[in-house]
Protein backbone atom coordinates (compact mmCIF):
# COMPACT_ATOMS: atom_id res chain seq x y z
CA MET A 1 80.97 101.41 84.28
CA LYS A 2 83.14 98.73 82.73
CA VAL A 3 86.91 98.84 83.14
CA PHE A 4 89.58 96.91 81.26
CA ILE A 5 92.82 96.45 83.20
CA ALA A 6 95.79 95.82 80.94
CA GLY A 7 97.99 93.71 83.17
CA GLY A 8 95.08 92.76 85.38
CA ARG A 9 96.70 89.67 86.93
CA GLY A 10 99.84 91.41 88.14
CA ARG A 11 100.73 92.82 91.53
CA VAL A 12 99.06 96.17 90.83
CA GLY A 13 96.32 95.04 88.48
CA SER A 14 94.93 92.27 90.68
CA ARG A 15 94.62 94.53 93.70
CA LEU A 16 93.09 97.29 91.62
CA ALA A 17 90.54 94.82 90.22
CA ASP A 18 89.51 93.77 93.73
CA ARG A 19 89.11 97.41 94.78
CA LEU A 20 87.03 98.36 91.74
CA GLU A 21 84.81 95.29 92.00
CA ALA A 22 84.15 96.12 95.65
CA LYS A 23 82.69 99.40 94.36
CA GLY A 24 80.38 97.54 91.99
CA ILE A 25 82.43 98.29 88.88
CA GLU A 26 82.66 95.57 86.24
CA VAL A 27 86.27 94.63 85.54
CA VAL A 28 87.78 92.80 82.57
CA SER A 29 91.27 91.47 83.23
CA GLY A 30 93.59 91.78 80.24
CA GLY A 31 96.70 89.64 80.35
CA LEU A 32 98.25 86.56 78.84
CA GLU A 33 96.58 84.43 81.52
CA ASP A 34 93.24 85.72 80.24
CA GLY A 35 94.02 84.84 76.63
CA ILE A 36 94.69 88.49 75.78
CA ASP A 37 97.99 89.70 74.34
CA VAL A 38 97.94 93.49 74.33
CA VAL A 39 101.23 93.71 72.45
CA SER A 40 100.18 91.44 69.55
CA GLY A 41 96.52 92.45 69.82
CA ARG A 42 95.27 88.88 70.23
CA GLY A 43 91.85 88.83 71.92
CA LEU A 44 91.91 92.57 72.59
CA ALA A 45 89.00 93.68 70.41
CA GLU A 46 86.63 91.19 72.03
CA ALA A 47 87.77 92.08 75.53
CA LEU A 48 87.14 95.82 75.01
CA VAL A 49 83.50 95.50 73.96
CA GLY A 50 81.43 97.78 76.21
CA VAL A 51 84.48 99.10 78.10
CA ASP A 52 84.41 102.74 79.22
CA THR A 53 87.90 103.02 80.71
CA ILE A 54 91.25 101.30 80.20
CA VAL A 55 93.72 101.19 83.08
CA ASN A 56 97.16 100.35 81.79
CA VAL A 57 99.44 98.81 84.43
CA LEU A 58 101.40 96.66 82.01
CA ASN A 59 105.03 95.89 82.76
CA THR A 60 107.91 94.25 80.95
CA PRO A 61 111.11 92.54 82.11
CA ARG A 62 112.96 94.11 79.17
CA PHE A 63 115.44 96.71 80.41
CA ASP A 64 117.08 97.35 77.05
CA ALA A 65 115.86 100.48 75.28
CA GLU A 66 114.78 98.75 72.08
CA GLY A 67 112.76 96.09 73.89
CA ALA A 68 111.15 98.42 76.42
CA ILE A 69 110.23 101.10 73.88
CA SER A 70 108.80 98.52 71.49
CA PHE A 71 106.72 96.93 74.26
CA PHE A 72 105.27 100.12 75.73
CA GLU A 73 104.65 101.90 72.41
CA GLY A 74 103.16 98.78 70.86
CA ALA A 75 100.77 98.31 73.76
CA ILE A 76 99.61 101.92 73.60
CA GLY A 77 99.07 101.64 69.86
CA ASN A 78 96.93 98.52 70.12
CA LEU A 79 94.96 99.74 73.12
CA THR A 80 94.25 103.01 71.31
CA ALA A 81 93.25 101.43 68.01
CA GLU A 82 90.97 98.80 69.50
CA GLY A 83 89.76 101.10 72.26
CA GLU A 84 88.69 103.75 69.80
CA GLN A 85 86.70 101.15 67.86
CA ALA A 86 85.04 100.02 71.09
CA GLY A 87 84.15 103.56 72.21
CA VAL A 88 86.56 103.74 75.15
CA ARG A 89 86.55 107.27 76.59
CA HIS A 90 89.45 107.26 79.05
CA HIS A 91 92.91 105.64 79.16
CA ILE A 92 94.72 105.70 82.52
CA VAL A 93 98.43 104.88 82.46
CA LEU A 94 100.52 104.04 85.52
CA SER A 95 103.97 105.55 85.06
CA ILE A 96 106.99 106.49 87.15
CA VAL A 97 107.85 109.77 88.83
CA GLY A 98 110.76 111.29 86.94
CA VAL A 99 110.22 109.87 83.47
CA GLY A 100 107.92 112.72 82.52
CA GLU A 101 110.93 115.04 82.58
CA GLY A 102 112.70 112.84 80.06
CA ASP A 103 116.01 112.98 81.93
CA ALA A 104 115.51 110.32 84.59
CA SER A 105 118.09 107.89 83.28
CA ASP A 106 119.53 106.35 80.17
CA ILE A 107 118.39 102.94 81.42
CA GLY A 108 116.35 101.36 78.66
CA TYR A 109 113.33 100.63 80.85
CA TYR A 110 112.92 104.30 81.75
CA LEU A 111 113.28 105.31 78.12
CA GLY A 112 110.47 102.88 77.43
CA LYS A 113 108.27 104.61 80.00
CA VAL A 114 109.08 108.00 78.48
CA ALA A 115 107.96 106.64 75.12
CA GLN A 116 104.82 105.19 76.70
CA GLU A 117 103.79 108.54 78.16
CA LYS A 118 104.41 110.36 74.89
CA ALA A 119 102.39 107.80 72.96
CA ALA A 120 99.50 107.94 75.44
CA ARG A 121 99.34 111.74 75.47
CA SER A 122 99.35 111.96 71.67
CA ALA A 123 96.75 109.21 71.16
CA SER A 124 93.12 109.79 70.23
CA ILE A 125 91.71 108.52 73.54
CA PRO A 126 92.08 111.09 76.38
CA ALA A 127 94.76 109.85 78.75
CA THR A 128 95.43 110.36 82.43
CA ILE A 129 98.98 109.75 83.67
CA ILE A 130 99.51 108.56 87.24
CA ARG A 131 103.19 108.67 88.18
CA ALA A 132 104.35 106.88 91.32
CA THR A 133 107.70 106.64 93.04
CA GLN A 134 109.17 103.24 93.88
CA PHE A 135 106.88 100.98 95.91
CA GLN A 136 108.02 100.40 99.48
CA SER A 137 107.52 96.66 99.15
CA TYR A 138 109.82 96.58 96.12
CA ILE A 139 112.91 97.95 97.89
CA PRO A 140 114.40 94.47 98.64
CA VAL A 141 114.08 93.60 94.94
CA LEU A 142 115.66 96.94 94.02
CA ILE A 143 118.57 96.11 96.31
CA ASP A 144 119.05 92.78 94.52
CA GLN A 145 119.04 94.59 91.18
CA HIS A 146 121.85 96.84 92.45
CA THR A 147 123.95 93.91 93.66
CA VAL A 148 127.13 93.14 91.72
CA ASP A 149 129.56 90.44 92.86
CA GLY A 150 127.92 90.33 96.28
CA LYS A 151 128.09 94.07 96.90
CA VAL A 152 125.19 96.52 96.67
CA LEU A 153 126.12 99.50 94.50
CA ALA A 154 123.86 102.27 95.76
CA PRO A 155 123.73 105.76 94.26
CA ARG A 156 123.83 108.81 96.51
CA SER A 157 120.60 110.07 94.97
CA PHE A 158 117.09 110.62 96.29
CA ILE A 159 114.37 108.00 96.69
CA GLN A 160 110.92 108.55 98.19
CA PRO A 161 109.14 105.18 98.33
CA VAL A 162 105.36 104.99 98.48
CA GLU A 163 103.02 102.34 99.88
CA LEU A 164 101.43 100.36 97.04
CA ASP A 165 97.90 100.53 98.48
CA GLU A 166 98.05 104.32 98.29
CA VAL A 167 98.89 104.10 94.60
CA ILE A 168 95.93 101.74 94.15
CA ASP A 169 93.71 104.30 95.90
CA LEU A 170 94.83 106.96 93.41
CA LEU A 171 94.16 104.67 90.46
CA VAL A 172 90.64 104.04 91.77
CA GLU A 173 90.17 107.80 92.03
CA ALA A 174 91.40 108.19 88.46
CA VAL A 175 88.79 105.67 87.29
CA THR A 176 85.90 107.15 89.23
CA THR A 177 86.45 110.90 89.54
CA LEU A 178 89.54 112.35 87.82
CA GLU A 179 89.05 114.26 84.59
CA PRO A 180 90.72 112.65 81.57
CA GLY A 181 93.93 114.44 80.74
CA SER A 182 95.11 114.79 84.33
CA VAL A 183 98.70 114.15 85.39
CA VAL A 184 99.08 113.27 89.07
CA GLU A 185 102.24 112.24 90.91
CA ILE A 186 102.35 110.39 94.22
CA ALA A 187 105.28 109.76 96.56
CA GLY A 188 105.81 108.57 100.10
CA PRO A 189 106.05 110.97 103.05
CA ASP A 190 109.82 110.67 103.51
CA ARG A 191 112.77 111.22 101.19
CA PHE A 192 116.01 109.29 101.68
CA TYR A 193 119.28 108.68 99.94
CA HIS A 194 119.38 105.29 98.20
CA ASP A 195 122.46 104.13 100.06
CA ASP A 196 121.05 105.02 103.50
CA LEU A 197 117.78 103.28 102.70
CA PHE A 198 119.52 100.18 101.36
CA ARG A 199 121.83 99.86 104.41
CA ALA A 200 118.95 100.19 106.86
CA THR A 201 116.81 97.71 104.95
CA LEU A 202 119.59 95.13 104.79
CA ALA A 203 120.41 95.56 108.48
CA HIS A 204 116.73 95.14 109.38
CA ARG A 205 116.59 91.91 107.37
CA GLY A 206 119.82 90.56 108.85
CA ASP A 207 121.51 90.67 105.45
CA ASP A 208 125.25 91.35 105.68
CA ARG A 209 125.82 92.48 102.11
CA GLU A 210 128.05 95.55 101.92
CA VAL A 211 126.54 98.70 100.47
CA VAL A 212 128.98 100.72 98.38
CA THR A 213 128.01 104.30 97.58
CA VAL A 214 128.45 105.15 93.90
CA ASP A 215 127.73 108.12 91.68
CA GLY A 216 124.18 108.26 90.30
CA GLN A 217 123.48 108.04 86.56
CA GLY A 218 121.35 111.16 86.46
CA PRO A 219 120.35 114.24 88.46
CA LEU A 220 120.17 113.86 92.24
CA ASP A 221 116.41 114.42 92.22
CA ALA A 222 115.64 112.58 88.99
CA MET A 223 113.32 109.98 90.53
CA VAL A 224 111.47 112.08 93.10
CA PRO A 225 108.77 114.71 92.49
CA ARG A 226 110.00 118.11 91.36
CA GLY A 227 106.62 119.81 91.41
CA ALA A 228 103.24 119.35 93.07
CA TYR A 229 102.39 115.81 94.14
CA ARG A 230 100.20 113.71 96.41
CA THR A 231 101.95 112.71 99.61
CA GLY A 232 101.27 109.24 100.93
CA GLY A 233 100.65 108.83 104.63
CA VAL A 234 102.33 105.45 105.18
CA ARG A 235 105.94 105.71 106.30
CA TYR A 236 108.63 103.23 105.30
CA PRO A 237 108.44 100.37 107.82
CA ILE A 238 111.95 100.88 109.22
CA SER A 239 112.58 103.76 111.59
CA GLY A 240 115.71 105.79 112.16
CA ILE A 241 116.80 106.22 108.54
CA PRO A 242 118.13 109.75 107.90
CA THR A 243 115.76 111.78 105.75
CA VAL A 244 116.67 114.46 103.23
């Protein structure tokens, strides 16, 4: 088996590559550092020669709808076109719990992920969608993103963070055993409110920023599983936070 990882040098892609290579699977890393631009298509055809499966863990810093949609749709289009020519049989896309419902948020980044899923499902290469909740290790960054004028504006909505290694395990399973066309969601074992989680995390880190509870931009349960899902076994590394 030969696997192409779109975004193979990133936080998810690099760890996935290590895990697959440990199983004896040949991995081709596809990113700008590798001379491959999935969005423009530069170097993509050559990189996909002999590849059986694409794992798409690409990300973008664009949070505006136009930029995010263009990035994610463009990447799917190029991966599909060149992948079909190369004989790729399976395209695995890492997405976000909630965006599959289409009502997660009007934030541009999430609209981009909605467009990515739609493009992948309608493409000629059978696609598997793996949706994960927020990574536990990303919560401090999420707090920074919610900080305005020194205060953390936290919605009173649900969050169910998952350990990244458990998402990697699921991606490995998708490569090796899952049938193309599957949709699998994974979330951590505990569900919190954003504001409770943020306050506890800041207190644990000795950060005195004030957390201000604000109204959420979407449904209370927009970013947590609403149906069947895999439950991770690793709890958030701070105890005593109220669960929902």
